N, C-alpha and C. Protein backbone atom coordinates (compact mmCIF):
# COMPACT_ATOMS: atom_id res chain seq x y z
N MET A 1 114.03 95.97 99.66
CA MET A 1 113.82 95.92 101.09
C MET A 1 112.91 97.08 101.49
N LYS A 2 111.89 96.79 102.28
CA LYS A 2 110.96 97.80 102.74
C LYS A 2 111.41 98.31 104.11
N LEU A 3 111.48 99.64 104.28
CA LEU A 3 111.96 100.23 105.53
C LEU A 3 110.86 100.44 106.55
N GLY A 4 109.61 100.37 106.18
CA GLY A 4 108.52 100.51 107.13
C GLY A 4 108.08 101.95 107.34
N PHE A 5 108.53 102.87 106.53
CA PHE A 5 108.11 104.25 106.63
C PHE A 5 107.06 104.53 105.57
N ASP A 6 106.04 105.27 105.93
CA ASP A 6 105.08 105.68 104.94
C ASP A 6 105.02 107.21 104.92
N VAL A 7 104.28 107.75 104.02
CA VAL A 7 104.19 109.19 103.87
C VAL A 7 103.70 109.86 105.15
N ARG A 8 102.75 109.24 105.85
CA ARG A 8 102.24 109.83 107.09
C ARG A 8 103.33 109.90 108.15
N THR A 9 104.15 108.86 108.26
CA THR A 9 105.23 108.85 109.25
C THR A 9 106.24 109.95 108.94
N ILE A 10 106.61 110.08 107.70
CA ILE A 10 107.56 111.10 107.30
C ILE A 10 106.97 112.49 107.52
N GLY A 11 105.70 112.66 107.19
CA GLY A 11 105.04 113.96 107.41
C GLY A 11 104.98 114.32 108.88
N LEU A 12 104.66 113.35 109.73
CA LEU A 12 104.61 113.59 111.17
C LEU A 12 105.99 113.95 111.69
N ALA A 13 107.01 113.24 111.23
CA ALA A 13 108.37 113.55 111.66
C ALA A 13 108.76 114.97 111.25
N ALA A 14 108.41 115.37 110.05
CA ALA A 14 108.71 116.73 109.59
C ALA A 14 107.98 117.77 110.43
N LEU A 15 106.72 117.49 110.76
CA LEU A 15 105.94 118.41 111.59
C LEU A 15 106.56 118.54 112.97
N LEU A 16 106.91 117.42 113.58
CA LEU A 16 107.52 117.46 114.92
C LEU A 16 108.85 118.18 114.89
N LEU A 17 109.65 117.94 113.87
CA LEU A 17 110.93 118.63 113.76
C LEU A 17 110.70 120.13 113.65
N GLY A 18 109.74 120.53 112.88
CA GLY A 18 109.44 121.96 112.71
C GLY A 18 108.99 122.60 114.00
N THR A 19 108.27 121.88 114.84
CA THR A 19 107.78 122.47 116.09
C THR A 19 108.82 122.44 117.19
N THR A 20 109.90 121.68 117.00
CA THR A 20 110.94 121.64 118.03
C THR A 20 112.12 122.53 117.69
N MET A 21 112.05 123.23 116.61
CA MET A 21 113.19 124.03 116.18
C MET A 21 113.28 125.38 116.89
N GLY A 22 112.33 125.75 117.69
CA GLY A 22 112.46 126.95 118.48
C GLY A 22 111.40 127.98 118.20
N HIS A 23 111.58 129.15 118.75
CA HIS A 23 110.63 130.24 118.64
C HIS A 23 110.44 130.65 117.18
N GLY A 24 109.23 131.03 116.86
CA GLY A 24 108.95 131.54 115.53
C GLY A 24 109.44 132.97 115.42
N ASP A 25 109.13 133.62 114.35
CA ASP A 25 109.51 135.01 114.12
C ASP A 25 111.02 135.22 114.23
N GLY A 26 111.80 134.27 113.70
CA GLY A 26 113.23 134.46 113.64
C GLY A 26 113.99 134.02 114.87
N CYS A 27 113.33 133.57 115.91
CA CYS A 27 114.03 133.10 117.10
C CYS A 27 113.94 131.60 117.18
N CYS A 28 114.96 131.01 117.63
CA CYS A 28 114.92 129.56 117.82
C CYS A 28 116.03 129.14 118.77
N HIS A 29 116.01 127.87 119.16
CA HIS A 29 117.03 127.35 120.07
C HIS A 29 118.11 126.64 119.29
N SER A 30 118.43 127.13 118.14
CA SER A 30 119.52 126.57 117.37
C SER A 30 120.78 127.35 117.75
N ASP A 31 121.83 127.13 117.00
CA ASP A 31 123.07 127.85 117.27
C ASP A 31 122.91 129.35 117.12
N GLU A 32 121.86 129.81 116.40
CA GLU A 32 121.61 131.24 116.25
C GLU A 32 121.31 131.89 117.60
N VAL A 33 120.65 131.17 118.50
CA VAL A 33 120.25 131.73 119.79
C VAL A 33 121.30 131.45 120.86
N LEU A 34 121.96 130.33 120.77
CA LEU A 34 122.92 129.99 121.81
C LEU A 34 124.24 130.70 121.57
N GLY A 35 124.57 131.55 122.52
CA GLY A 35 125.85 132.23 122.47
C GLY A 35 126.90 131.41 123.19
N PRO A 36 128.03 132.00 123.47
CA PRO A 36 129.09 131.28 124.18
C PRO A 36 128.75 131.14 125.66
N PRO A 37 129.36 130.17 126.34
CA PRO A 37 129.18 130.08 127.79
C PRO A 37 129.64 131.40 128.43
N THR A 38 128.98 131.77 129.51
CA THR A 38 129.28 133.05 130.15
C THR A 38 130.56 133.02 130.97
N GLY A 39 131.02 131.85 131.36
CA GLY A 39 132.20 131.76 132.19
C GLY A 39 131.93 132.08 133.65
N ALA A 40 130.65 132.17 134.01
CA ALA A 40 130.29 132.45 135.40
C ALA A 40 130.76 131.30 136.29
N THR A 41 131.11 131.66 137.51
CA THR A 41 131.51 130.66 138.49
C THR A 41 130.61 130.77 139.71
N CYS A 42 130.65 129.75 140.52
CA CYS A 42 129.82 129.73 141.72
C CYS A 42 130.65 130.20 142.91
N PRO A 43 130.38 131.39 143.39
CA PRO A 43 131.12 131.83 144.57
C PRO A 43 130.69 131.03 145.80
N PRO A 44 131.61 130.77 146.71
CA PRO A 44 131.24 129.98 147.89
C PRO A 44 130.19 130.65 148.75
N THR A 45 130.00 131.95 148.58
CA THR A 45 129.02 132.70 149.38
C THR A 45 127.67 132.84 148.69
N SER A 46 127.49 132.19 147.55
CA SER A 46 126.24 132.34 146.81
C SER A 46 125.06 131.87 147.64
N THR A 47 124.01 132.67 147.61
CA THR A 47 122.78 132.32 148.33
C THR A 47 121.62 132.08 147.36
N LEU A 48 121.91 132.06 146.07
CA LEU A 48 120.86 131.91 145.07
C LEU A 48 120.36 130.47 145.02
N THR A 49 119.07 130.31 145.14
CA THR A 49 118.42 129.00 145.05
C THR A 49 117.23 129.12 144.10
N TYR A 50 116.61 128.00 143.83
CA TYR A 50 115.39 128.01 143.03
C TYR A 50 114.33 128.86 143.72
N GLN A 51 114.19 128.67 145.03
CA GLN A 51 113.17 129.39 145.78
C GLN A 51 113.48 130.88 145.90
N SER A 52 114.76 131.23 146.07
CA SER A 52 115.09 132.64 146.29
C SER A 52 115.33 133.43 145.00
N PHE A 53 115.54 132.73 143.89
CA PHE A 53 115.85 133.44 142.65
C PHE A 53 115.29 132.76 141.40
N GLY A 54 115.67 131.53 141.15
CA GLY A 54 115.39 130.88 139.88
C GLY A 54 113.92 130.80 139.49
N GLN A 55 113.08 130.41 140.43
CA GLN A 55 111.66 130.26 140.11
C GLN A 55 111.05 131.59 139.67
N GLN A 56 111.36 132.67 140.38
CA GLN A 56 110.79 133.97 140.01
C GLN A 56 111.36 134.47 138.68
N PHE A 57 112.65 134.26 138.44
CA PHE A 57 113.25 134.66 137.17
C PHE A 57 112.53 133.96 136.02
N MET A 58 112.36 132.66 136.15
CA MET A 58 111.70 131.89 135.09
C MET A 58 110.26 132.34 134.90
N THR A 59 109.57 132.61 135.98
CA THR A 59 108.18 133.09 135.90
C THR A 59 108.12 134.44 135.20
N ASP A 60 109.04 135.32 135.54
CA ASP A 60 109.03 136.67 134.97
C ASP A 60 109.42 136.71 133.50
N TYR A 61 110.35 135.83 133.08
CA TYR A 61 110.93 135.99 131.75
C TYR A 61 110.82 134.78 130.81
N CYS A 62 110.42 133.62 131.31
CA CYS A 62 110.56 132.43 130.48
C CYS A 62 109.31 131.57 130.29
N VAL A 63 108.53 131.37 131.36
CA VAL A 63 107.47 130.37 131.27
C VAL A 63 106.26 130.80 130.44
N GLU A 64 106.24 132.02 129.98
CA GLU A 64 105.16 132.38 129.06
C GLU A 64 105.20 131.47 127.83
N CYS A 65 106.39 131.06 127.44
CA CYS A 65 106.55 130.13 126.32
C CYS A 65 107.05 128.76 126.77
N HIS A 66 108.00 128.74 127.70
CA HIS A 66 108.66 127.50 128.13
C HIS A 66 107.95 126.89 129.33
N ASP A 67 106.75 126.39 129.10
CA ASP A 67 105.91 125.81 130.15
C ASP A 67 105.47 124.43 129.69
N SER A 68 105.71 123.42 130.51
CA SER A 68 105.39 122.05 130.13
C SER A 68 103.91 121.83 129.88
N ALA A 69 103.06 122.69 130.40
CA ALA A 69 101.61 122.54 130.18
C ALA A 69 101.17 123.12 128.84
N LYS A 70 102.04 123.86 128.18
CA LYS A 70 101.68 124.47 126.90
C LYS A 70 102.11 123.59 125.74
N MET A 71 101.26 123.57 124.74
CA MET A 71 101.51 122.77 123.55
C MET A 71 101.29 123.61 122.30
N GLY A 72 101.89 123.19 121.23
CA GLY A 72 101.66 123.81 119.93
C GLY A 72 101.92 125.30 119.91
N SER A 73 101.00 126.03 119.30
CA SER A 73 101.19 127.48 119.13
C SER A 73 101.19 128.24 120.45
N ASP A 74 100.66 127.65 121.52
CA ASP A 74 100.70 128.32 122.83
C ASP A 74 102.12 128.49 123.34
N ARG A 75 103.07 127.72 122.79
CA ARG A 75 104.48 127.81 123.19
C ARG A 75 105.20 128.91 122.41
N ASN A 76 104.53 129.52 121.46
CA ASN A 76 105.15 130.57 120.64
C ASN A 76 106.46 130.10 120.01
N GLY A 77 106.51 128.82 119.67
CA GLY A 77 107.69 128.26 119.01
C GLY A 77 108.77 127.78 119.95
N ALA A 78 108.58 127.84 121.26
CA ALA A 78 109.62 127.39 122.19
C ALA A 78 109.89 125.91 121.99
N THR A 79 111.15 125.55 122.03
CA THR A 79 111.56 124.17 121.86
C THR A 79 110.84 123.27 122.86
N ILE A 80 110.34 122.15 122.39
CA ILE A 80 109.50 121.28 123.20
C ILE A 80 110.20 120.79 124.46
N ASP A 81 111.47 120.45 124.41
CA ASP A 81 112.15 119.90 125.58
C ASP A 81 112.81 120.97 126.45
N HIS A 82 112.43 122.21 126.28
CA HIS A 82 112.96 123.31 127.10
C HIS A 82 111.79 123.90 127.90
N ASP A 83 111.52 123.27 129.05
CA ASP A 83 110.43 123.69 129.92
C ASP A 83 111.01 124.19 131.23
N PHE A 84 110.64 125.41 131.60
CA PHE A 84 111.26 126.06 132.75
C PHE A 84 110.30 126.31 133.90
N ASP A 85 109.21 125.54 133.92
CA ASP A 85 108.24 125.67 135.02
C ASP A 85 108.55 124.70 136.16
N THR A 86 109.59 123.89 136.01
CA THR A 86 110.04 123.01 137.08
C THR A 86 111.56 123.10 137.20
N LEU A 87 112.06 122.84 138.38
CA LEU A 87 113.50 122.87 138.59
C LEU A 87 114.20 121.82 137.74
N LEU A 88 113.65 120.64 137.66
CA LEU A 88 114.26 119.59 136.85
C LEU A 88 114.34 119.99 135.37
N GLY A 89 113.28 120.62 134.88
CA GLY A 89 113.29 121.09 133.50
C GLY A 89 114.37 122.11 133.24
N ILE A 90 114.60 122.98 134.20
CA ILE A 90 115.65 123.99 134.10
C ILE A 90 117.02 123.34 134.15
N GLN A 91 117.22 122.47 135.13
CA GLN A 91 118.53 121.83 135.31
C GLN A 91 118.92 120.99 134.10
N SER A 92 117.95 120.40 133.42
CA SER A 92 118.26 119.52 132.29
C SER A 92 118.84 120.26 131.09
N VAL A 93 118.59 121.56 130.98
CA VAL A 93 119.13 122.35 129.86
C VAL A 93 119.76 123.65 130.36
N SER A 94 120.30 123.61 131.56
CA SER A 94 120.84 124.84 132.15
C SER A 94 121.95 125.46 131.32
N ASN A 95 122.74 124.64 130.64
CA ASN A 95 123.79 125.21 129.79
C ASN A 95 123.19 126.03 128.65
N HIS A 96 122.05 125.59 128.12
CA HIS A 96 121.38 126.37 127.06
C HIS A 96 120.85 127.69 127.62
N ILE A 97 120.33 127.65 128.84
CA ILE A 97 119.82 128.88 129.46
C ILE A 97 120.96 129.88 129.64
N ASP A 98 122.10 129.40 130.12
CA ASP A 98 123.27 130.26 130.28
C ASP A 98 123.68 130.88 128.94
N GLN A 99 123.66 130.07 127.89
CA GLN A 99 124.11 130.52 126.58
C GLN A 99 123.08 131.38 125.85
N ALA A 100 121.87 131.45 126.36
CA ALA A 100 120.83 132.27 125.72
C ALA A 100 120.46 133.49 126.55
N ALA A 101 120.67 133.44 127.87
CA ALA A 101 120.16 134.52 128.71
C ALA A 101 121.09 134.94 129.84
N GLY A 102 122.21 134.25 130.04
CA GLY A 102 123.11 134.56 131.15
C GLY A 102 124.15 135.60 130.82
N ALA A 103 124.76 136.14 131.87
CA ALA A 103 125.85 137.11 131.70
C ALA A 103 126.95 136.77 132.69
N GLY A 104 128.17 136.83 132.22
CA GLY A 104 129.32 136.56 133.07
C GLY A 104 130.56 137.22 132.51
N PRO A 105 131.73 136.85 133.02
CA PRO A 105 132.96 137.52 132.60
C PRO A 105 133.34 137.27 131.14
N ASP A 106 132.87 136.17 130.57
CA ASP A 106 133.25 135.83 129.20
C ASP A 106 132.23 136.23 128.15
N ALA A 107 130.98 136.41 128.55
CA ALA A 107 129.94 136.73 127.56
C ALA A 107 128.68 137.25 128.25
N VAL A 108 127.99 138.12 127.53
CA VAL A 108 126.64 138.54 127.93
C VAL A 108 125.73 138.05 126.82
N ASN A 109 124.86 137.11 127.17
CA ASN A 109 123.94 136.52 126.19
C ASN A 109 122.55 137.08 126.44
N ASP A 110 122.06 137.83 125.48
CA ASP A 110 120.74 138.45 125.63
C ASP A 110 119.80 138.05 124.49
N GLN A 111 120.03 136.85 123.95
CA GLN A 111 119.19 136.37 122.86
C GLN A 111 117.78 136.01 123.35
N MET A 112 117.65 135.68 124.61
CA MET A 112 116.36 135.36 125.21
C MET A 112 116.17 136.23 126.43
N PRO A 113 114.98 136.60 126.75
CA PRO A 113 113.76 136.37 125.97
C PRO A 113 113.76 137.22 124.70
N PRO A 114 112.85 136.90 123.77
CA PRO A 114 112.77 137.68 122.53
C PRO A 114 112.55 139.17 122.83
N GLU A 115 112.97 139.99 121.90
CA GLU A 115 112.93 141.45 122.08
C GLU A 115 111.56 142.00 122.44
N ASP A 116 110.49 141.35 121.99
CA ASP A 116 109.15 141.88 122.26
C ASP A 116 108.62 141.45 123.62
N GLU A 117 109.45 140.81 124.44
CA GLU A 117 109.07 140.38 125.78
C GLU A 117 109.84 141.22 126.82
N PRO A 118 109.35 141.26 128.07
CA PRO A 118 110.11 141.96 129.12
C PRO A 118 111.52 141.39 129.23
N GLN A 119 112.49 142.25 129.48
CA GLN A 119 113.89 141.86 129.51
C GLN A 119 114.47 141.94 130.92
N PRO A 120 115.26 140.93 131.32
CA PRO A 120 115.95 141.02 132.60
C PRO A 120 117.07 142.05 132.53
N SER A 121 117.39 142.62 133.67
CA SER A 121 118.51 143.56 133.74
C SER A 121 119.83 142.80 133.62
N LEU A 122 120.91 143.50 133.41
CA LEU A 122 122.23 142.88 133.37
C LEU A 122 122.50 142.18 134.71
N GLU A 123 122.14 142.81 135.80
CA GLU A 123 122.36 142.20 137.12
C GLU A 123 121.57 140.88 137.24
N GLU A 124 120.34 140.86 136.76
CA GLU A 124 119.56 139.62 136.80
C GLU A 124 120.19 138.54 135.92
N ARG A 125 120.71 138.93 134.76
CA ARG A 125 121.38 137.96 133.88
C ARG A 125 122.65 137.42 134.55
N GLU A 126 123.37 138.27 135.27
CA GLU A 126 124.56 137.82 135.99
C GLU A 126 124.17 136.86 137.12
N MET A 127 123.09 137.16 137.81
CA MET A 127 122.61 136.27 138.86
C MET A 127 122.17 134.93 138.27
N LEU A 128 121.53 134.97 137.11
CA LEU A 128 121.11 133.75 136.45
C LEU A 128 122.33 132.86 136.15
N ALA A 129 123.35 133.45 135.57
CA ALA A 129 124.55 132.68 135.23
C ALA A 129 125.23 132.13 136.50
N GLU A 130 125.26 132.92 137.56
CA GLU A 130 125.83 132.44 138.82
C GLU A 130 125.02 131.26 139.35
N TRP A 131 123.71 131.42 139.38
CA TRP A 131 122.84 130.36 139.88
C TRP A 131 123.05 129.07 139.09
N ILE A 132 123.16 129.19 137.77
CA ILE A 132 123.40 128.02 136.92
C ILE A 132 124.78 127.43 137.22
N ALA A 133 125.79 128.29 137.38
CA ALA A 133 127.15 127.81 137.69
C ALA A 133 127.18 127.05 139.02
N CYS A 134 126.29 127.39 139.91
CA CYS A 134 126.19 126.71 141.21
C CYS A 134 125.38 125.43 141.12
N GLY A 135 124.91 125.08 139.94
CA GLY A 135 124.13 123.86 139.76
C GLY A 135 122.64 124.08 139.82
N ALA A 136 122.20 125.33 139.79
CA ALA A 136 120.77 125.67 139.86
C ALA A 136 120.10 124.95 141.04
N PRO A 137 120.63 125.21 142.26
CA PRO A 137 120.07 124.52 143.44
C PRO A 137 118.68 125.02 143.81
């Protein structure tokens, strides 16, 4: 029985898998980068929105690699389906963002951004986790 796969198809699949595995230089979006959930909750008084917080946080710390307009090596190894230049892109993987960059009562995750990039403060990481806990409005 012929399965319909040829060497080119298998090679392309291997290439795509390699480019979706995450940041190069030892960083990736596998279990190595994702820490535990932060346990952050959404306080009823939260004023954090995409416009007041999320968009600027992502611009400052994430979209250099996680930008839907970037392809291949311009992403510096960022996982293809993790794009943070739009609210929808953020909301679709917000749990991963919390587990890689958020801070809360249960965990402080500082795996992202990579060490050679500007780093958010602990307060910014706590705000990120709160914003995500509120549904990243």
